[in-house]
PDB file of N, CA and C in Angstrom:
ATOM      1  N   UNK A   1      42.745 -77.234 -61.094  1.00  0.00           N
ATOM      2  CA  UNK A   1      43.174 -78.650 -61.074  1.00  0.00           C
ATOM      3  C   UNK A   1      44.666 -78.706 -60.954  1.00  0.00           C
ATOM      4  N   UNK A   2      45.108 -79.553 -60.063  1.00  0.00           N
ATOM      5  CA  UNK A   2      46.601 -79.719 -59.951  1.00  0.00           C
ATOM      6  C   UNK A   2      47.053 -80.839 -60.829  1.00  0.00           C
ATOM      7  N   UNK A   3      48.052 -80.541 -61.635  1.00  0.00           N
ATOM      8  CA  UNK A   3      48.731 -81.551 -62.441  1.00  0.00           C
ATOM      9  C   UNK A   3      50.168 -81.456 -61.988  1.00  0.00           C
ATOM     10  N   UNK A   4      50.540 -82.419 -61.178  1.00  0.00           N
ATOM     11  CA  UNK A   4      51.870 -82.471 -60.560  1.00  0.00           C
ATOM     12  C   UNK A   4      52.966 -82.617 -61.488  1.00  0.00           C
ATOM     13  N   UNK A   5      54.130 -82.056 -61.186  1.00  0.00           N
ATOM     14  CA  UNK A   5      55.307 -81.979 -62.043  1.00  0.00           C
ATOM     15  C   UNK A   5      56.554 -82.096 -61.205  1.00  0.00           C
ATOM     16  N   UNK A   6      57.600 -82.360 -61.943  1.00  0.00           N
ATOM     17  CA  UNK A   6      59.037 -82.373 -61.344  1.00  0.00           C
ATOM     18  C   UNK A   6      59.788 -81.357 -62.116  1.00  0.00           C
ATOM     19  N   UNK A   7      60.478 -80.472 -61.405  1.00  0.00           N
ATOM     20  CA  UNK A   7      61.286 -79.522 -62.085  1.00  0.00           C
ATOM     21  C   UNK A   7      62.704 -79.707 -61.718  1.00  0.00           C
ATOM     22  N   UNK A   8      63.668 -79.784 -62.666  1.00  0.00           N
ATOM     23  CA  UNK A   8      65.059 -80.065 -62.293  1.00  0.00           C
ATOM     24  C   UNK A   8      66.049 -79.337 -63.225  1.00  0.00           C
ATOM     25  N   UNK A   9      67.198 -79.331 -62.711  1.00  0.00           N
ATOM     26  CA  UNK A   9      68.376 -78.768 -63.429  1.00  0.00           C
ATOM     27  C   UNK A   9      69.413 -79.917 -63.550  1.00  0.00           C
ATOM     28  N   UNK A  10      69.850 -80.145 -64.793  1.00  0.00           N
ATOM     29  CA  UNK A  10      70.859 -81.174 -65.068  1.00  0.00           C
ATOM     30  C   UNK A  10      72.196 -80.439 -65.328  1.00  0.00           C
ATOM     31  N   UNK A  11      73.106 -80.834 -64.514  1.00  0.00           N
ATOM     32  CA  UNK A  11      74.480 -80.290 -64.567  1.00  0.00           C
ATOM     33  C   UNK A  11      75.410 -81.007 -65.562  1.00  0.00           C
ATOM     34  N   UNK A  12      76.513 -80.514 -65.872  1.00  0.00           N
ATOM     35  CA  UNK A  12      77.442 -81.040 -66.925  1.00  0.00           C
ATOM     36  C   UNK A  12      78.055 -82.395 -66.426  1.00  0.00           C
ATOM     37  N   UNK A  13      78.027 -82.675 -65.134  1.00  0.00           N
ATOM     38  CA  UNK A  13      78.458 -83.969 -64.592  1.00  0.00           C
ATOM     39  C   UNK A  13      77.420 -84.978 -64.529  1.00  0.00           C
ATOM     40  N   UNK A  14      76.269 -84.686 -65.146  1.00  0.00           N
ATOM     41  CA  UNK A  14      75.105 -85.585 -65.255  1.00  0.00           C
ATOM     42  C   UNK A  14      74.219 -85.690 -63.949  1.00  0.00           C
ATOM     43  N   UNK A  15      74.634 -84.931 -62.894  1.00  0.00           N
ATOM     44  CA  UNK A  15      73.830 -84.904 -61.721  1.00  0.00           C
ATOM     45  C   UNK A  15      72.603 -83.978 -62.024  1.00  0.00           C
ATOM     46  N   UNK A  16      71.580 -84.268 -61.228  1.00  0.00           N
ATOM     47  CA  UNK A  16      70.322 -83.552 -61.304  1.00  0.00           C
ATOM     48  C   UNK A  16      69.915 -83.076 -59.899  1.00  0.00           C
ATOM     49  N   UNK A  17      69.538 -81.820 -59.769  1.00  0.00           N
ATOM     50  CA  UNK A  17      68.779 -81.276 -58.590  1.00  0.00           C
ATOM     51  C   UNK A  17      67.400 -80.931 -59.040  1.00  0.00           C
ATOM     52  N   UNK A  18      66.393 -81.474 -58.347  1.00  0.00           N
ATOM     53  CA  UNK A  18      65.026 -81.303 -58.735  1.00  0.00           C
ATOM     54  C   UNK A  18      64.107 -81.267 -57.550  1.00  0.00           C
ATOM     55  N   UNK A  19      62.862 -80.825 -57.825  1.00  0.00           N
ATOM     56  CA  UNK A  19      61.868 -80.784 -56.774  1.00  0.00           C
ATOM     57  C   UNK A  19      60.507 -80.999 -57.339  1.00  0.00           C
ATOM     58  N   UNK A  20      59.548 -81.301 -56.468  1.00  0.00           N
ATOM     59  CA  UNK A  20      58.226 -81.594 -56.848  1.00  0.00           C
ATOM     60  C   UNK A  20      57.448 -80.238 -56.934  1.00  0.00           C
ATOM     61  N   UNK A  21      56.563 -80.078 -57.936  1.00  0.00           N
ATOM     62  CA  UNK A  21      55.719 -78.888 -58.050  1.00  0.00           C
ATOM     63  C   UNK A  21      54.238 -79.398 -58.147  1.00  0.00           C
ATOM     64  N   UNK A  22      53.444 -78.880 -57.173  1.00  0.00           N
ATOM     65  CA  UNK A  22      52.076 -79.318 -57.050  1.00  0.00           C
ATOM     66  C   UNK A  22      51.086 -78.955 -58.116  1.00  0.00           C
ATOM     67  N   UNK A  23      51.092 -77.605 -58.510  1.00  0.00           N
ATOM     68  CA  UNK A  23      50.160 -77.122 -59.410  1.00  0.00           C
ATOM     69  C   UNK A  23      50.675 -76.779 -60.868  1.00  0.00           C
ATOM     70  N   UNK A  24      49.779 -76.919 -61.855  1.00  0.00           N
ATOM     71  CA  UNK A  24      49.999 -76.418 -63.213  1.00  0.00           C
ATOM     72  C   UNK A  24      51.158 -77.057 -63.953  1.00  0.00           C
ATOM     73  N   UNK A  25      51.379 -78.339 -63.760  1.00  0.00           N
ATOM     74  CA  UNK A  25      52.515 -78.980 -64.443  1.00  0.00           C
ATOM     75  C   UNK A  25      52.555 -78.876 -65.850  1.00  0.00           C
ATOM     76  N   UNK A  26      51.350 -79.010 -66.504  1.00  0.00           N
ATOM     77  CA  UNK A  26      51.290 -78.957 -67.962  1.00  0.00           C
ATOM     78  C   UNK A  26      51.731 -77.673 -68.643  1.00  0.00           C
ATOM     79  N   UNK A  27      51.613 -76.533 -67.865  1.00  0.00           N
ATOM     80  CA  UNK A  27      51.813 -75.233 -68.477  1.00  0.00           C
ATOM     81  C   UNK A  27      53.138 -74.581 -68.008  1.00  0.00           C
ATOM     82  N   UNK A  28      54.048 -75.374 -67.482  1.00  0.00           N
ATOM     83  CA  UNK A  28      55.237 -74.860 -66.839  1.00  0.00           C
ATOM     84  C   UNK A  28      56.314 -74.345 -67.795  1.00  0.00           C
ATOM     85  N   UNK A  29      56.370 -74.818 -69.073  1.00  0.00           N
ATOM     86  CA  UNK A  29      57.437 -74.561 -69.960  1.00  0.00           C
ATOM     87  C   UNK A  29      57.618 -72.956 -70.220  1.00  0.00           C
ATOM     88  N   UNK A  30      56.483 -72.338 -70.392  1.00  0.00           N
ATOM     89  CA  UNK A  30      56.564 -70.882 -70.643  1.00  0.00           C
ATOM     90  C   UNK A  30      57.002 -70.159 -69.401  1.00  0.00           C
ATOM     91  N   UNK A  31      56.536 -70.552 -68.249  1.00  0.00           N
ATOM     92  CA  UNK A  31      57.052 -69.941 -66.937  1.00  0.00           C
ATOM     93  C   UNK A  31      58.478 -70.150 -66.688  1.00  0.00           C
ATOM     94  N   UNK A  32      59.015 -71.366 -67.038  1.00  0.00           N
ATOM     95  CA  UNK A  32      60.423 -71.634 -66.874  1.00  0.00           C
ATOM     96  C   UNK A  32      61.219 -70.768 -67.810  1.00  0.00           C
ATOM     97  N   UNK A  33      60.783 -70.567 -69.074  1.00  0.00           N
ATOM     98  CA  UNK A  33      61.415 -69.737 -69.988  1.00  0.00           C
ATOM     99  C   UNK A  33      61.344 -68.233 -69.526  1.00  0.00           C
ATOM    100  N   UNK A  34      60.266 -67.803 -68.984  1.00  0.00           N
ATOM    101  CA  UNK A  34      60.245 -66.476 -68.434  1.00  0.00           C
ATOM    102  C   UNK A  34      61.154 -66.323 -67.334  1.00  0.00           C
ATOM    103  N   UNK A  35      61.193 -67.248 -66.422  1.00  0.00           N
ATOM    104  CA  UNK A  35      62.073 -67.179 -65.286  1.00  0.00           C
ATOM    105  C   UNK A  35      63.544 -67.105 -65.744  1.00  0.00           C
ATOM    106  N   UNK A  36      63.926 -67.913 -66.718  1.00  0.00           N
ATOM    107  CA  UNK A  36      65.280 -67.922 -67.201  1.00  0.00           C
ATOM    108  C   UNK A  36      65.603 -66.717 -68.023  1.00  0.00           C
ATOM    109  N   UNK A  37      64.641 -66.036 -68.532  1.00  0.00           N
ATOM    110  CA  UNK A  37      64.937 -64.776 -69.266  1.00  0.00           C
ATOM    111  C   UNK A  37      65.227 -63.629 -68.220  1.00  0.00           C
ATOM    112  N   UNK A  38      64.617 -63.780 -67.073  1.00  0.00           N
ATOM    113  CA  UNK A  38      64.909 -62.722 -66.030  1.00  0.00           C
ATOM    114  C   UNK A  38      66.034 -63.110 -65.089  1.00  0.00           C
ATOM    115  N   UNK A  39      66.358 -64.363 -64.947  1.00  0.00           N
ATOM    116  CA  UNK A  39      67.395 -64.872 -64.026  1.00  0.00           C
ATOM    117  C   UNK A  39      68.251 -65.945 -64.702  1.00  0.00           C
ATOM    118  N   UNK A  40      68.991 -66.687 -63.919  1.00  0.00           N
ATOM    119  CA  UNK A  40      69.929 -67.692 -64.486  1.00  0.00           C
ATOM    120  C   UNK A  40      69.489 -69.050 -64.081  1.00  0.00           C
ATOM    121  N   UNK A  41      70.249 -70.059 -64.646  1.00  0.00           N
ATOM    122  CA  UNK A  41      70.022 -71.410 -64.238  1.00  0.00           C
ATOM    123  C   UNK A  41      70.582 -71.590 -62.819  1.00  0.00           C
ATOM    124  N   UNK A  42      71.561 -70.841 -62.475  1.00  0.00           N
ATOM    125  CA  UNK A  42      72.021 -70.901 -61.031  1.00  0.00           C
ATOM    126  C   UNK A  42      70.936 -70.491 -60.091  1.00  0.00           C
ATOM    127  N   UNK A  43      70.208 -69.431 -60.401  1.00  0.00           N
ATOM    128  CA  UNK A  43      69.079 -68.983 -59.575  1.00  0.00           C
ATOM    129  C   UNK A  43      67.965 -70.048 -59.512  1.00  0.00           C
ATOM    130  N   UNK A  44      67.696 -70.678 -60.627  1.00  0.00           N
ATOM    131  CA  UNK A  44      66.785 -71.740 -60.647  1.00  0.00           C
ATOM    132  C   UNK A  44      67.216 -72.880 -59.713  1.00  0.00           C
ATOM    133  N   UNK A  45      68.458 -73.303 -59.758  1.00  0.00           N
ATOM    134  CA  UNK A  45      68.938 -74.332 -58.888  1.00  0.00           C
ATOM    135  C   UNK A  45      68.833 -73.866 -57.388  1.00  0.00           C
ATOM    136  N   UNK A  46      69.046 -72.609 -57.100  1.00  0.00           N
ATOM    137  CA  UNK A  46      68.909 -72.164 -55.698  1.00  0.00           C
ATOM    138  C   UNK A  46      67.421 -72.251 -55.314  1.00  0.00           C
ATOM    139  N   UNK A  47      66.466 -71.956 -56.207  1.00  0.00           N
ATOM    140  CA  UNK A  47      65.054 -72.055 -55.926  1.00  0.00           C
ATOM    141  C   UNK A  47      64.739 -73.520 -55.588  1.00  0.00           C
ATOM    142  N   UNK A  48      65.249 -74.363 -56.447  1.00  0.00           N
ATOM    143  CA  UNK A  48      64.996 -75.892 -56.285  1.00  0.00           C
ATOM    144  C   UNK A  48      65.588 -76.381 -54.984  1.00  0.00           C
ATOM    145  N   UNK A  49      66.756 -75.877 -54.556  1.00  0.00           N
ATOM    146  CA  UNK A  49      67.324 -76.281 -53.323  1.00  0.00           C
ATOM    147  C   UNK A  49      66.443 -75.879 -52.198  1.00  0.00           C
ATOM    148  N   UNK A  50      65.926 -74.675 -52.255  1.00  0.00           N
ATOM    149  CA  UNK A  50      64.966 -74.191 -51.222  1.00  0.00           C
ATOM    150  C   UNK A  50      63.717 -75.030 -51.200  1.00  0.00           C
ATOM    151  N   UNK A  51      63.196 -75.354 -52.334  1.00  0.00           N
ATOM    152  CA  UNK A  51      61.996 -76.258 -52.482  1.00  0.00           C
ATOM    153  C   UNK A  51      62.300 -77.624 -51.910  1.00  0.00           C
ATOM    154  N   UNK A  52      63.445 -78.188 -52.152  1.00  0.00           N
ATOM    155  CA  UNK A  52      63.788 -79.543 -51.628  1.00  0.00           C
ATOM    156  C   UNK A  52      63.805 -79.494 -50.039  1.00  0.00           C
ATOM    157  N   UNK A  53      64.272 -78.369 -49.511  1.00  0.00           N
ATOM    158  CA  UNK A  53      64.250 -78.327 -47.997  1.00  0.00           C
ATOM    159  C   UNK A  53      62.965 -78.161 -47.395  1.00  0.00           C
ATOM    160  N   UNK A  54      61.925 -77.725 -48.220  1.00  0.00           N
ATOM    161  CA  UNK A  54      60.524 -77.501 -47.620  1.00  0.00           C
ATOM    162  C   UNK A  54      59.534 -78.502 -48.202  1.00  0.00           C
ATOM    163  N   UNK A  55      59.939 -79.415 -48.924  1.00  0.00           N
ATOM    164  CA  UNK A  55      58.963 -80.475 -49.410  1.00  0.00           C
ATOM    165  C   UNK A  55      58.446 -80.194 -50.798  1.00  0.00           C
ATOM    166  N   UNK A  56      58.968 -79.202 -51.485  1.00  0.00           N
ATOM    167  CA  UNK A  56      58.554 -78.888 -52.876  1.00  0.00           C
ATOM    168  C   UNK A  56      58.040 -77.505 -52.987  1.00  0.00           C
ATOM    169  N   UNK A  57      57.370 -77.303 -54.207  1.00  0.00           N
ATOM    170  CA  UNK A  57      56.742 -76.025 -54.474  1.00  0.00           C
ATOM    171  C   UNK A  57      55.261 -76.235 -54.649  1.00  0.00           C
ATOM    172  N   UNK A  58      54.431 -75.315 -54.269  1.00  0.00           N
ATOM    173  CA  UNK A  58      52.995 -75.403 -54.562  1.00  0.00           C
ATOM    174  C   UNK A  58      52.846 -74.883 -55.990  1.00  0.00           C
ATOM    175  N   UNK A  59      53.532 -73.761 -56.354  1.00  0.00           N
ATOM    176  CA  UNK A  59      53.430 -73.292 -57.710  1.00  0.00           C
ATOM    177  C   UNK A  59      54.802 -72.615 -58.077  1.00  0.00           C
ATOM    178  N   UNK A  60      55.132 -72.558 -59.375  1.00  0.00           N
ATOM    179  CA  UNK A  60      56.257 -71.995 -59.834  1.00  0.00           C
ATOM    180  C   UNK A  60      56.135 -70.806 -60.779  1.00  0.00           C
ATOM    181  N   UNK A  61      56.547 -69.686 -60.360  1.00  0.00           N
ATOM    182  CA  UNK A  61      56.630 -68.458 -61.266  1.00  0.00           C
ATOM    183  C   UNK A  61      55.274 -68.196 -61.819  1.00  0.00           C
ATOM    184  N   UNK A  62      54.254 -68.182 -61.015  1.00  0.00           N
ATOM    185  CA  UNK A  62      52.870 -67.879 -61.436  1.00  0.00           C
ATOM    186  C   UNK A  62      52.584 -66.418 -61.188  1.00  0.00           C
ATOM    187  N   UNK A  63      52.042 -65.680 -62.246  1.00  0.00           N
ATOM    188  CA  UNK A  63      51.696 -64.260 -62.026  1.00  0.00           C
ATOM    189  C   UNK A  63      50.580 -64.092 -61.001  1.00  0.00           C
ATOM    190  N   UNK A  64      50.815 -63.167 -60.117  1.00  0.00           N
ATOM    191  CA  UNK A  64      49.833 -62.748 -59.058  1.00  0.00           C
ATOM    192  C   UNK A  64      48.538 -62.248 -59.668  1.00  0.00           C
ATOM    193  N   UNK A  65      47.445 -62.556 -59.203  1.00  0.00           N
ATOM    194  CA  UNK A  65      46.206 -62.063 -59.801  1.00  0.00           C
ATOM    195  C   UNK A  65      46.050 -60.531 -59.778  1.00  0.00           C
ATOM    196  N   UNK A  66      46.576 -59.936 -58.768  1.00  0.00           N
ATOM    197  CA  UNK A  66      46.455 -58.514 -58.562  1.00  0.00           C
ATOM    198  C   UNK A  66      47.530 -57.675 -59.257  1.00  0.00           C
ATOM    199  N   UNK A  67      48.803 -58.196 -59.147  1.00  0.00           N
ATOM    200  CA  UNK A  67      49.933 -57.424 -59.656  1.00  0.00           C
ATOM    201  C   UNK A  67      50.511 -57.924 -60.907  1.00  0.00           C
ATOM    202  N   UNK A  68      50.139 -59.081 -61.306  1.00  0.00           N
ATOM    203  CA  UNK A  68      50.719 -59.830 -62.495  1.00  0.00           C
ATOM    204  C   UNK A  68      52.167 -60.104 -62.407  1.00  0.00           C
ATOM    205  N   UNK A  69      52.764 -59.931 -61.217  1.00  0.00           N
ATOM    206  CA  UNK A  69      54.172 -60.180 -60.943  1.00  0.00           C
ATOM    207  C   UNK A  69      54.326 -61.669 -60.647  1.00  0.00           C
ATOM    208  N   UNK A  70      55.207 -62.357 -61.417  1.00  0.00           N
ATOM    209  CA  UNK A  70      55.288 -63.811 -61.111  1.00  0.00           C
ATOM    210  C   UNK A  70      55.897 -64.020 -59.715  1.00  0.00           C
ATOM    211  N   UNK A  71      55.419 -65.175 -59.105  1.00  0.00           N
ATOM    212  CA  UNK A  71      55.904 -65.536 -57.808  1.00  0.00           C
ATOM    213  C   UNK A  71      55.937 -67.028 -57.696  1.00  0.00           C
ATOM    214  N   UNK A  72      56.783 -67.550 -56.885  1.00  0.00           N
ATOM    215  CA  UNK A  72      56.914 -69.002 -56.523  1.00  0.00           C
ATOM    216  C   UNK A  72      56.450 -69.238 -55.145  1.00  0.00           C
ATOM    217  N   UNK A  73      55.510 -70.209 -54.996  1.00  0.00           N
ATOM    218  CA  UNK A  73      55.064 -70.497 -53.659  1.00  0.00           C
ATOM    219  C   UNK A  73      55.626 -71.787 -53.199  1.00  0.00           C
ATOM    220  N   UNK A  74      56.333 -71.865 -52.142  1.00  0.00           N
ATOM    221  CA  UNK A  74      56.996 -73.097 -51.641  1.00  0.00           C
ATOM    222  C   UNK A  74      55.916 -73.792 -50.727  1.00  0.00           C
ATOM    223  N   UNK A  75      56.193 -75.150 -50.658  1.00  0.00           N
ATOM    224  CA  UNK A  75      55.371 -75.934 -49.761  1.00  0.00           C
ATOM    225  C   UNK A  75      55.581 -75.468 -48.320  1.00  0.00           C
ATOM    226  N   UNK A  76      54.595 -75.631 -47.494  1.00  0.00           N
ATOM    227  CA  UNK A  76      54.771 -75.208 -46.090  1.00  0.00           C
ATOM    228  C   UNK A  76      54.818 -76.334 -45.082  1.00  0.00           C
ATOM    229  N   UNK A  77      55.101 -77.547 -45.622  1.00  0.00           N
ATOM    230  CA  UNK A  77      55.122 -78.664 -44.731  1.00  0.00           C
ATOM    231  C   UNK A  77      56.497 -78.921 -44.077  1.00  0.00           C
ATOM    232  N   UNK A  78      57.551 -78.248 -44.560  1.00  0.00           N
ATOM    233  CA  UNK A  78      58.866 -78.278 -43.979  1.00  0.00           C
ATOM    234  C   UNK A  78      59.428 -79.631 -43.824  1.00  0.00           C
ATOM    235  N   UNK A  79      58.979 -80.583 -44.659  1.00  0.00           N
ATOM    236  CA  UNK A  79      59.544 -81.931 -44.664  1.00  0.00           C
ATOM    237  C   UNK A  79      60.469 -82.078 -45.894  1.00  0.00           C
ATOM    238  N   UNK A  80      61.697 -82.169 -45.738  1.00  0.00           N
ATOM    239  CA  UNK A  80      62.643 -82.229 -46.961  1.00  0.00           C
ATOM    240  C   UNK A  80      62.167 -83.357 -47.933  1.00  0.00           C
ATOM    241  N   UNK A  81      62.196 -83.016 -49.236  1.00  0.00           N
ATOM    242  CA  UNK A  81      61.876 -84.042 -50.249  1.00  0.00           C
ATOM    243  C   UNK A  81      62.822 -83.756 -51.383  1.00  0.00           C
ATOM    244  N   UNK A  82      63.815 -84.596 -51.554  1.00  0.00           N
ATOM    245  CA  UNK A  82      64.912 -84.473 -52.551  1.00  0.00           C
ATOM    246  C   UNK A  82      64.688 -85.337 -53.705  1.00  0.00           C
ATOM    247  N   UNK A  83      64.724 -84.741 -54.899  1.00  0.00           N
ATOM    248  CA  UNK A  83      64.752 -85.574 -56.146  1.00  0.00           C
ATOM    249  C   UNK A  83      66.051 -85.254 -56.790  1.00  0.00           C
ATOM    250  N   UNK A  84      66.686 -86.301 -57.313  1.00  0.00           N
ATOM    251  CA  UNK A  84      68.019 -86.173 -58.003  1.00  0.00           C
ATOM    252  C   UNK A  84      67.996 -87.105 -59.206  1.00  0.00           C
ATOM    253  N   UNK A  85      69.245 -87.338 -59.748  1.00  0.00           N
ATOM    254  CA  UNK A  85      69.393 -88.208 -60.949  1.00  0.00           C
ATOM    255  C   UNK A  85      68.921 -89.611 -60.632  1.00  0.00           C
ATOM    256  N   UNK A  86      68.935 -90.078 -59.447  1.00  0.00           N
ATOM    257  CA  UNK A  86      68.623 -91.479 -59.181  1.00  0.00           C
ATOM    258  C   UNK A  86      67.134 -91.724 -59.187  1.00  0.00           C
ATOM    259  N   UNK A  87      66.298 -90.675 -59.036  1.00  0.00           N
ATOM    260  CA  UNK A  87      64.845 -90.969 -58.958  1.00  0.00           C
ATOM    261  C   UNK A  87      64.097 -89.833 -59.772  1.00  0.00           C
ATOM    262  N   UNK A  88      64.731 -89.080 -60.669  1.00  0.00           N
ATOM    263  CA  UNK A  88      64.074 -88.028 -61.308  1.00  0.00           C
ATOM    264  C   UNK A  88      62.729 -88.428 -62.023  1.00  0.00           C
ATOM    265  N   UNK A  89      62.747 -89.582 -62.753  1.00  0.00           N
ATOM    266  CA  UNK A  89      61.528 -89.949 -63.484  1.00  0.00           C
ATOM    267  C   UNK A  89      60.667 -90.823 -62.700  1.00  0.00           C
ATOM    268  N   UNK A  90      60.881 -90.989 -61.403  1.00  0.00           N
ATOM    269  CA  UNK A  90      59.971 -91.784 -60.588  1.00  0.00           C
ATOM    270  C   UNK A  90      58.605 -91.115 -60.494  1.00  0.00           C
ATOM    271  N   UNK A  91      57.636 -91.757 -59.907  1.00  0.00           N
ATOM    272  CA  UNK A  91      56.352 -91.253 -59.686  1.00  0.00           C
ATOM    273  C   UNK A  91      56.345 -90.488 -58.385  1.00  0.00           C
ATOM    274  N   UNK A  92      56.455 -89.195 -58.462  1.00  0.00           N
ATOM    275  CA  UNK A  92      56.492 -88.355 -57.224  1.00  0.00           C
ATOM    276  C   UNK A  92      55.052 -87.745 -57.035  1.00  0.00           C
ATOM    277  N   UNK A  93      54.336 -88.349 -56.167  1.00  0.00           N
ATOM    278  CA  UNK A  93      52.965 -87.921 -55.747  1.00  0.00           C
ATOM    279  C   UNK A  93      52.148 -87.785 -57.015  1.00  0.00           C
ATOM    280  N   UNK A  94      52.263 -88.740 -57.940  1.00  0.00           N
ATOM    281  CA  UNK A  94      51.454 -88.787 -59.120  1.00  0.00           C
ATOM    282  C   UNK A  94      51.848 -87.753 -60.167  1.00  0.00           C
ATOM    283  N   UNK A  95      53.109 -87.385 -60.256  1.00  0.00           N
ATOM    284  CA  UNK A  95      53.535 -86.396 -61.241  1.00  0.00           C
ATOM    285  C   UNK A  95      53.216 -86.869 -62.655  1.00  0.00           C
ATOM    286  N   UNK A  96      52.747 -85.953 -63.500  1.00  0.00           N
ATOM    287  CA  UNK A  96      52.482 -86.249 -64.914  1.00  0.00           C
ATOM    288  C   UNK A  96      53.482 -85.635 -65.806  1.00  0.00           C
ATOM    289  N   UNK A  97      54.271 -84.664 -65.354  1.00  0.00           N
ATOM    290  CA  UNK A  97      55.150 -83.918 -66.157  1.00  0.00           C
ATOM    291  C   UNK A  97      56.536 -83.765 -65.488  1.00  0.00           C
ATOM    292  N   UNK A  98      57.600 -83.880 -66.323  1.00  0.00           N
ATOM    293  CA  UNK A  98      58.943 -83.720 -65.802  1.00  0.00           C
ATOM    294  C   UNK A  98      59.588 -82.659 -66.714  1.00  0.00           C
ATOM    295  N   UNK A  99      60.160 -81.639 -66.080  1.00  0.00           N
ATOM    296  CA  UNK A  99      60.923 -80.616 -66.813  1.00  0.00           C
ATOM    297  C   UNK A  99      62.405 -80.648 -66.377  1.00  0.00           C
ATOM    298  N   UNK A 100      63.220 -80.759 -67.350  1.00  0.00           N
ATOM    299  CA  UNK A 100      64.698 -80.846 -67.111  1.00  0.00           C
ATOM    300  C   UNK A 100      65.383 -79.724 -67.820  1.00  0.00           C
ATOM    301  N   UNK A 101      66.022 -78.828 -67.068  1.00  0.00           N
ATOM    302  CA  UNK A 101      66.700 -77.687 -67.614  1.00  0.00           C
ATOM    303  C   UNK A 101      68.251 -77.884 -67.664  1.00  0.00           C
ATOM    304  N   UNK A 102      68.776 -77.771 -68.843  1.00  0.00           N
ATOM    305  CA  UNK A 102      70.233 -77.962 -68.974  1.00  0.00           C
ATOM    306  C   UNK A 102      70.975 -76.729 -68.305  1.00  0.00           C
ATOM    307  N   UNK A 103      71.773 -76.987 -67.317  1.00  0.00           N
ATOM    308  CA  UNK A 103      72.415 -75.892 -66.608  1.00  0.00           C
ATOM    309  C   UNK A 103      73.246 -75.002 -67.514  1.00  0.00           C
ATOM    310  N   UNK A 104      73.909 -75.557 -68.514  1.00  0.00           N
ATOM    311  CA  UNK A 104      74.829 -74.813 -69.343  1.00  0.00           C
ATOM    312  C   UNK A 104      74.114 -73.961 -70.365  1.00  0.00           C
ATOM    313  N   UNK A 105      73.076 -74.602 -71.012  1.00  0.00           N
ATOM    314  CA  UNK A 105      72.354 -73.940 -72.153  1.00  0.00           C
ATOM    315  C   UNK A 105      71.015 -73.401 -71.845  1.00  0.00           C
ATOM    316  N   UNK A 106      70.411 -73.828 -70.781  1.00  0.00           N
ATOM    317  CA  UNK A 106      69.055 -73.386 -70.463  1.00  0.00           C
ATOM    318  C   UNK A 106      67.993 -74.142 -71.282  1.00  0.00           C
ATOM    319  N   UNK A 107      68.368 -75.021 -72.067  1.00  0.00           N
ATOM    320  CA  UNK A 107      67.469 -75.873 -72.877  1.00  0.00           C
ATOM    321  C   UNK A 107      66.447 -76.568 -71.956  1.00  0.00           C
ATOM    322  N   UNK A 108      65.266 -76.595 -72.259  1.00  0.00           N
ATOM    323  CA  UNK A 108      64.187 -77.260 -71.437  1.00  0.00           C
ATOM    324  C   UNK A 108      63.708 -78.481 -72.077  1.00  0.00           C
ATOM    325  N   UNK A 109      63.780 -79.619 -71.496  1.00  0.00           N
ATOM    326  CA  UNK A 109      63.212 -80.909 -71.991  1.00  0.00           C
ATOM    327  C   UNK A 109      61.940 -81.199 -71.144  1.00  0.00           C
ATOM    328  N   UNK A 110      60.925 -81.612 -71.823  1.00  0.00           N
ATOM    329  CA  UNK A 110      59.658 -81.953 -71.150  1.00  0.00           C
ATOM    330  C   UNK A 110      59.258 -83.285 -71.481  1.00  0.00           C
ATOM    331  N   UNK A 111      58.891 -84.073 -70.494  1.00  0.00           N
ATOM    332  CA  UNK A 111      58.348 -85.419 -70.652  1.00  0.00           C
ATOM    333  C   UNK A 111      57.048 -85.531 -69.935  1.00  0.00           C
ATOM    334  N   UNK A 112      56.107 -86.262 -70.456  1.00  0.00           N
ATOM    335  CA  UNK A 112      54.858 -86.519 -69.759  1.00  0.00           C
ATOM    336  C   UNK A 112      54.517 -87.919 -69.885  1.00  0.00           C
ATOM    337  N   UNK A 113      53.603 -88.399 -68.940  1.00  0.00           N
ATOM    338  CA  UNK A 113      53.170 -89.767 -69.012  1.00  0.00           C
ATOM    339  C   UNK A 113      51.689 -89.850 -69.419  1.00  0.00           C
TER     340      UNK A 113
END
């Protein structure tokens, strides 16, 4: 089942870069933590920029069934879809969860409706 989510990074100037995530929105906190333990918030913001240019992500940092190596699958519709501080908490395709990562600290805030 797909539980849509929004994944974003909040910068010190209060701007937000974010994207839509199609699958597994309720269980993303652990995957975000795992991603940040392996990489940086800068890397996360680069992933988000890539997702914005392609319409979002289908899934974020989900372990592959065969290899158990986490992977992110980007949308393949190639229609840009940008979420930022002006529309972060809007209803994006029925999103039920919003994850906001503090760029400086890596702290994750989750909101649901």
